Amino acid sequence: MTQIEDFVIQRVKELRIEKGMSQREFGDNINLSQGFIRDCENPRKRAKYNLNHLNEIVRVFGCSFSYFFPDQALE
């Protein structure tokens, strides 16, 4: 997994927890399975969000796309 993929996943997880959503609730809201969410949040798995997933996440949380990206490129 690349640094940018990990950054995005950690931002999504932080926001999910901040909003008090379980992995199941979150998955239901963005039309993904709890298993996929769990695999994204597990650093030993290769699952990751794509742009379509991020579009749904932005819609559900009412935030901007920029929230999920660093201000500068990662190494």
Protein backbone atom coordinates (compact mmCIF):
# COMPACT_ATOMS: atom_id res chain seq x y z
CA MET A 1 0.00 0.00 0.00
CA THR A 2 1.30 3.45 -0.86
CA GLN A 3 1.53 6.37 1.55
CA ILE A 4 -1.26 8.25 -0.20
CA GLU A 5 -3.57 5.21 -0.08
CA ASP A 6 -2.87 4.83 3.63
CA PHE A 7 -3.43 8.56 4.20
CA VAL A 8 -6.86 8.42 2.54
CA ILE A 9 -7.86 5.28 4.45
CA GLN A 10 -6.83 6.81 7.78
CA ARG A 11 -8.78 10.00 7.04
CA VAL A 12 -11.89 8.00 6.18
CA LYS A 13 -11.53 5.88 9.32
CA GLU A 14 -11.03 8.96 11.54
CA LEU A 15 -14.13 10.60 10.10
CA ARG A 16 -16.19 7.40 10.42
CA ILE A 17 -15.24 7.08 14.09
CA GLU A 18 -15.80 10.80 14.73
CA LYS A 19 -19.32 10.45 13.31
CA GLY A 20 -19.92 7.44 15.58
CA MET A 21 -20.52 5.01 12.74
CA SER A 22 -19.71 1.33 12.93
CA GLN A 23 -18.06 -0.31 9.94
CA ARG A 24 -21.41 -1.89 9.10
CA GLU A 25 -23.34 1.41 9.27
CA PHE A 26 -20.69 3.14 7.22
CA GLY A 27 -20.66 0.39 4.61
CA ASP A 28 -24.45 0.45 4.37
CA ASN A 29 -24.36 4.22 3.77
CA ILE A 30 -21.85 4.00 0.93
CA ASN A 31 -23.07 0.70 -0.55
CA LEU A 32 -20.03 -1.36 0.45
CA SER A 33 -19.84 -4.41 2.68
CA GLN A 34 -18.62 -4.33 6.26
CA GLY A 35 -15.95 -6.80 5.17
CA PHE A 36 -14.62 -4.39 2.57
CA ILE A 37 -14.50 -1.54 5.11
CA ARG A 38 -12.73 -3.85 7.58
CA ASP A 39 -10.21 -4.86 4.92
CA CYS A 40 -9.53 -1.22 4.02
CA GLU A 41 -8.86 -0.39 7.65
CA ASN A 42 -6.58 -3.41 8.14
CA PRO A 43 -3.03 -2.45 7.08
CA ARG A 44 -2.23 -6.08 6.21
CA LYS A 45 -4.96 -6.17 3.55
CA ARG A 46 -4.74 -4.66 0.09
CA ALA A 47 -8.29 -3.28 -0.12
CA LYS A 48 -8.54 0.45 -0.72
CA TYR A 49 -11.08 3.07 -1.67
CA ASN A 50 -11.33 4.28 -5.24
CA LEU A 51 -12.61 7.63 -6.53
CA ASN A 52 -16.18 6.34 -6.80
CA HIS A 53 -16.04 5.26 -3.15
CA LEU A 54 -14.67 8.68 -2.17
CA ASN A 55 -17.51 10.37 -4.02
CA GLU A 56 -20.03 8.41 -1.92
CA ILE A 57 -18.06 9.11 1.28
CA VAL A 58 -18.07 12.86 0.53
CA ARG A 59 -21.81 12.70 -0.14
CA VAL A 60 -22.55 10.84 3.11
CA PHE A 61 -20.31 12.94 5.35
CA GLY A 62 -20.97 16.27 3.64
CA CYS A 63 -17.30 17.18 3.50
CA SER A 64 -15.00 18.17 0.65
CA PHE A 65 -12.79 15.89 -1.41
CA SER A 66 -9.80 17.90 -0.25
CA TYR A 67 -10.26 16.58 3.31
CA PHE A 68 -8.98 13.21 2.12
CA PHE A 69 -5.77 14.47 0.54
CA PRO A 70 -2.61 15.99 2.05
CA ASP A 71 -1.65 19.59 1.30
CA GLN A 72 1.59 18.42 -0.30
CA ALA A 73 2.77 15.30 -2.10
CA LEU A 74 3.92 12.43 0.10
CA GLU A 75 7.29 10.74 -0.31
